[in-house]
Structures are given as C-alpha cells and as structure tokens.
N, C-alpha and C. Protein backbone atom coordinates (compact mmCIF):
# COMPACT_ATOMS: atom_id res chain seq x y z
N UNK A 1 -216.98 93.02 -145.40
CA UNK A 1 -217.26 92.08 -146.55
C UNK A 1 -218.76 92.14 -147.09
N UNK A 2 -218.84 91.40 -147.97
CA UNK A 2 -220.03 91.71 -148.74
C UNK A 2 -220.82 90.37 -148.70
N UNK A 3 -222.41 90.31 -148.40
CA UNK A 3 -222.91 88.99 -148.41
C UNK A 3 -224.36 89.30 -149.23
N UNK A 4 -225.00 88.42 -149.83
CA UNK A 4 -226.23 88.51 -150.46
C UNK A 4 -227.21 87.98 -149.40
N UNK A 5 -228.39 88.59 -149.33
CA UNK A 5 -229.52 88.34 -148.60
C UNK A 5 -230.73 88.07 -149.53
N UNK A 6 -231.41 86.91 -149.38
CA UNK A 6 -232.53 86.60 -150.08
C UNK A 6 -233.68 86.78 -149.27
N UNK A 7 -234.89 87.28 -149.77
CA UNK A 7 -236.16 87.46 -149.15
C UNK A 7 -237.12 86.54 -149.90
N UNK A 8 -238.20 85.92 -149.09
CA UNK A 8 -238.97 85.36 -149.59
C UNK A 8 -240.58 85.57 -149.27
N UNK A 9 -241.47 85.22 -149.99
CA UNK A 9 -242.88 85.48 -149.61
C UNK A 9 -243.14 86.87 -149.56
N UNK A 10 -243.84 87.20 -148.20
CA UNK A 10 -244.29 88.39 -148.06
C UNK A 10 -243.07 89.62 -147.86
N UNK A 11 -242.02 89.05 -147.30
CA UNK A 11 -240.69 89.88 -147.21
C UNK A 11 -240.32 90.43 -148.61
N UNK A 12 -240.28 89.53 -149.62
CA UNK A 12 -239.86 89.99 -150.84
C UNK A 12 -240.95 91.05 -151.44
N UNK A 13 -242.35 91.00 -151.06
CA UNK A 13 -243.24 91.91 -151.47
C UNK A 13 -242.88 92.99 -150.91
N UNK A 14 -243.00 93.04 -149.52
CA UNK A 14 -242.51 94.38 -148.84
C UNK A 14 -241.27 95.14 -149.32
N UNK A 15 -240.48 94.16 -149.66
CA UNK A 15 -238.80 94.87 -149.77
C UNK A 15 -238.88 95.40 -151.26
N UNK A 16 -239.70 94.56 -152.25
CA UNK A 16 -239.79 94.99 -153.59
C UNK A 16 -238.46 94.31 -154.28
N UNK A 17 -237.92 93.55 -153.68
CA UNK A 17 -236.91 92.71 -154.41
C UNK A 17 -236.78 91.24 -153.83
N UNK A 18 -235.93 90.25 -154.36
CA UNK A 18 -235.77 89.04 -153.62
C UNK A 18 -234.56 88.94 -153.28
N UNK A 19 -233.58 89.65 -153.58
CA UNK A 19 -232.19 89.65 -153.29
C UNK A 19 -231.48 91.04 -153.13
N UNK A 20 -230.59 91.19 -152.22
CA UNK A 20 -229.76 92.46 -151.98
C UNK A 20 -228.50 92.08 -151.56
N UNK A 21 -227.49 92.93 -151.90
CA UNK A 21 -226.11 92.52 -151.27
C UNK A 21 -226.01 93.85 -150.16
N UNK A 22 -225.19 93.30 -148.84
CA UNK A 22 -225.14 94.05 -148.22
C UNK A 22 -223.65 93.99 -147.63
N UNK A 23 -223.14 95.19 -147.04
CA UNK A 23 -221.54 95.35 -146.65
C UNK A 23 -221.76 95.25 -145.13
N UNK A 24 -220.91 94.09 -144.40
CA UNK A 24 -220.79 94.16 -143.15
C UNK A 24 -219.20 94.28 -142.73
N UNK A 25 -218.98 94.21 -141.50
CA UNK A 25 -217.68 94.19 -141.05
C UNK A 25 -217.44 92.72 -140.90
N UNK A 26 -216.01 92.59 -141.24
CA UNK A 26 -215.42 91.06 -141.13
C UNK A 26 -215.70 90.52 -139.87
N UNK A 27 -216.32 89.21 -139.89
CA UNK A 27 -216.55 88.39 -138.76
C UNK A 27 -217.86 89.05 -138.10
N UNK A 28 -218.98 89.53 -138.90
CA UNK A 28 -220.23 89.63 -138.64
C UNK A 28 -221.09 88.40 -138.29
N UNK A 29 -221.93 88.67 -137.37
CA UNK A 29 -222.79 87.50 -137.24
C UNK A 29 -224.06 87.89 -138.05
N UNK A 30 -225.19 86.81 -138.14
CA UNK A 30 -226.39 86.80 -138.90
C UNK A 30 -227.19 88.00 -138.06
N UNK A 31 -226.93 88.19 -136.81
CA UNK A 31 -227.80 89.19 -135.96
C UNK A 31 -227.20 90.43 -136.48
N UNK A 32 -226.17 90.67 -136.75
CA UNK A 32 -225.73 91.93 -137.29
C UNK A 32 -226.19 92.21 -138.88
N UNK A 33 -226.37 91.00 -139.43
CA UNK A 33 -226.86 91.27 -140.80
C UNK A 33 -228.33 91.77 -140.53
N UNK A 34 -228.96 91.22 -139.73
CA UNK A 34 -230.50 91.36 -139.62
C UNK A 34 -230.55 92.86 -139.11
N UNK A 35 -229.71 93.42 -138.39
CA UNK A 35 -229.68 94.98 -137.88
C UNK A 35 -229.61 95.69 -139.33
N UNK A 36 -228.61 95.19 -140.19
CA UNK A 36 -228.38 96.12 -141.30
C UNK A 36 -229.55 95.93 -142.17
N UNK A 37 -230.10 94.88 -142.30
CA UNK A 37 -231.46 94.77 -143.15
C UNK A 37 -232.55 95.78 -142.64
N UNK A 38 -232.66 95.91 -141.26
CA UNK A 38 -233.64 96.68 -140.69
C UNK A 38 -233.17 97.97 -141.08
N UNK A 39 -232.05 98.37 -140.85
CA UNK A 39 -231.73 99.70 -141.34
C UNK A 39 -231.97 99.97 -142.73
N UNK A 40 -231.82 99.17 -143.66
CA UNK A 40 -232.06 99.43 -145.04
C UNK A 40 -233.52 99.30 -145.61
N UNK A 41 -234.39 98.43 -144.84
CA UNK A 41 -235.67 98.11 -145.18
C UNK A 41 -236.42 98.26 -143.78
N UNK A 42 -236.65 99.33 -143.38
CA UNK A 42 -237.34 99.29 -142.07
C UNK A 42 -238.91 98.78 -142.12
N UNK A 43 -239.38 98.64 -143.34
CA UNK A 43 -240.63 98.02 -143.50
C UNK A 43 -240.78 96.51 -143.11
N UNK A 44 -239.53 95.96 -143.03
CA UNK A 44 -239.33 94.52 -142.68
C UNK A 44 -239.23 94.23 -141.19
N UNK A 45 -239.17 95.34 -140.39
CA UNK A 45 -238.77 95.32 -138.83
C UNK A 45 -239.91 94.38 -138.47
N UNK A 46 -241.11 94.49 -138.57
CA UNK A 46 -242.23 93.44 -137.96
C UNK A 46 -241.84 92.01 -138.11
N UNK A 47 -241.13 91.80 -139.21
CA UNK A 47 -241.02 90.37 -139.66
C UNK A 47 -239.74 89.73 -139.25
N UNK A 48 -238.74 90.45 -138.93
CA UNK A 48 -237.31 90.04 -138.73
C UNK A 48 -237.18 89.26 -137.48
N UNK A 49 -238.13 89.31 -136.40
CA UNK A 49 -237.91 88.77 -135.27
C UNK A 49 -238.42 87.05 -135.15
N UNK A 50 -239.23 86.84 -136.25
CA UNK A 50 -239.80 85.68 -136.73
C UNK A 50 -239.14 84.73 -137.95
N UNK A 51 -238.35 85.42 -138.34
CA UNK A 51 -237.74 84.75 -139.49
C UNK A 51 -236.93 83.65 -139.31
N UNK A 52 -236.73 82.45 -140.01
CA UNK A 52 -235.84 81.46 -139.98
C UNK A 52 -234.65 81.84 -140.84
N UNK A 53 -233.48 81.67 -140.25
CA UNK A 53 -232.40 82.14 -141.14
C UNK A 53 -231.57 80.83 -141.78
N UNK A 54 -231.05 80.87 -142.87
CA UNK A 54 -230.51 79.76 -143.72
C UNK A 54 -229.27 80.32 -144.49
N UNK A 55 -228.13 79.43 -144.23
CA UNK A 55 -226.80 80.07 -144.83
C UNK A 55 -226.57 78.80 -145.69
N UNK A 56 -226.37 79.11 -147.09
CA UNK A 56 -226.07 77.90 -148.07
C UNK A 56 -226.89 76.86 -147.62
N UNK A 57 -228.22 76.98 -147.59
CA UNK A 57 -229.29 75.96 -147.42
C UNK A 57 -229.18 75.17 -146.21
N UNK A 58 -228.68 75.64 -145.18
CA UNK A 58 -228.71 75.01 -143.82
C UNK A 58 -229.27 76.15 -142.82
N UNK A 59 -230.01 75.46 -141.96
CA UNK A 59 -230.70 76.66 -141.02
C UNK A 59 -229.75 76.95 -139.91
N UNK A 60 -229.56 78.03 -139.52
CA UNK A 60 -228.46 78.44 -138.60
C UNK A 60 -229.28 79.42 -137.46
N UNK A 61 -228.54 79.84 -136.62
CA UNK A 61 -228.88 80.88 -135.35
C UNK A 61 -228.33 82.15 -135.58
N UNK A 62 -228.70 83.11 -134.91
CA UNK A 62 -228.33 84.43 -135.13
C UNK A 62 -226.74 84.81 -134.70
N UNK A 63 -226.38 83.68 -133.95
CA UNK A 63 -225.03 83.91 -133.63
C UNK A 63 -223.82 83.39 -134.61
N UNK A 64 -224.18 82.82 -135.67
CA UNK A 64 -223.69 82.10 -136.75
C UNK A 64 -222.77 83.35 -137.44
N UNK A 65 -221.34 83.23 -137.47
CA UNK A 65 -220.61 84.16 -138.05
C UNK A 65 -220.61 83.98 -139.69
N UNK A 66 -220.67 85.14 -140.23
CA UNK A 66 -220.68 85.13 -141.56
C UNK A 66 -219.51 85.46 -142.28
N UNK A 67 -219.43 85.05 -143.53
CA UNK A 67 -218.13 85.29 -144.43
C UNK A 67 -218.43 85.84 -145.56
N UNK A 68 -217.25 86.49 -146.38
CA UNK A 68 -217.45 87.05 -147.66
C UNK A 68 -218.18 86.17 -148.46
N UNK A 69 -219.05 86.58 -149.38
CA UNK A 69 -219.66 85.97 -150.26
C UNK A 69 -220.95 84.97 -149.86
N UNK A 70 -221.09 84.91 -148.67
CA UNK A 70 -222.03 84.06 -148.17
C UNK A 70 -223.69 84.55 -148.66
N UNK A 71 -224.56 83.58 -148.62
CA UNK A 71 -225.96 84.22 -149.25
C UNK A 71 -226.85 83.56 -147.89
N UNK A 72 -227.26 84.62 -147.15
CA UNK A 72 -228.16 84.35 -146.16
C UNK A 72 -229.52 84.53 -146.65
N UNK A 73 -230.46 83.53 -146.39
CA UNK A 73 -231.90 83.43 -146.57
C UNK A 73 -232.77 83.64 -145.57
N UNK A 74 -233.83 84.69 -145.61
CA UNK A 74 -234.70 84.91 -144.56
C UNK A 74 -235.99 84.48 -144.76
N UNK A 75 -236.12 83.15 -143.98
CA UNK A 75 -237.50 82.48 -144.61
C UNK A 75 -238.73 82.77 -143.36
N UNK A 76 -239.70 83.41 -143.95
CA UNK A 76 -240.57 83.70 -142.78
C UNK A 76 -241.66 82.56 -142.59
N UNK A 77 -242.32 82.80 -141.45
CA UNK A 77 -243.21 81.62 -141.11
C UNK A 77 -244.19 81.43 -142.23
N UNK A 78 -244.41 80.17 -142.48
CA UNK A 78 -245.49 79.61 -143.63
C UNK A 78 -246.69 79.21 -142.79
N UNK A 79 -247.89 79.44 -143.29
CA UNK A 79 -249.24 78.46 -143.16
C UNK A 79 -249.91 78.41 -144.15
N UNK A 80 -251.17 78.00 -143.67
CA UNK A 80 -252.16 77.67 -144.93
C UNK A 80 -251.90 76.25 -145.25
N UNK A 81 -252.36 75.90 -146.33
CA UNK A 81 -252.61 74.51 -146.74
C UNK A 81 -254.09 74.01 -146.32
N UNK A 82 -254.18 72.76 -146.74
CA UNK A 82 -255.55 71.98 -146.23
C UNK A 82 -255.31 71.21 -145.14
N UNK A 83 -256.40 71.13 -144.12
CA UNK A 83 -256.16 70.01 -143.29
C UNK A 83 -256.43 68.66 -143.60
N UNK A 84 -255.60 67.84 -143.09
CA UNK A 84 -255.79 66.22 -143.57
C UNK A 84 -257.25 65.81 -143.02
N UNK A 85 -257.91 64.96 -143.69
CA UNK A 85 -258.94 64.37 -143.22
C UNK A 85 -258.47 62.83 -143.20
N UNK A 86 -258.72 62.33 -142.23
CA UNK A 86 -258.43 60.83 -142.21
C UNK A 86 -259.61 59.79 -141.84
C-alpha cells in the first residue's frame, strides 16, 4: 500500500521536502512507517522518537494500523513563544 507522509518545521528542512509517498505492506502500523522513513531519510533519525503522529488530522499512536491512501503527519515538538506576564 502507498501512504503519504508529511514533514513539518525542522524535519521538513532536513528532509528537503514537505511530503513523500512511501510503500508499506498491507496492514502496516505507524511504527513501521517510521522505520521506512528512517531508512529513506536517516538524517531524521534523531527526531523520530520525539514526533507526534497524526492521521487525517487526528493524533494517533505508533500501533495504529495504516491504510492505502492515508496521510501520516510527523509533528515535531514545538517551543518558543513569549512568556505571559500577568
């Protein structure tokens, strides 16, 4: 099966693209998708253990089974902003 994987922020910069299509076995999990991404983009390895996963705009865990045509988003931790003063 083929799924789309979206990268954001630093991961997008490191991968050099914001979206890739990957081929997985039918019934593959999000964890298997992360393994495939790590194989194709080893530069992302340090970030993959800290990403949040989203499927069709809903957060998921690594055990979630993927289906043909799914779009998996890898969302890195965010930081920054300005502290609130009250």
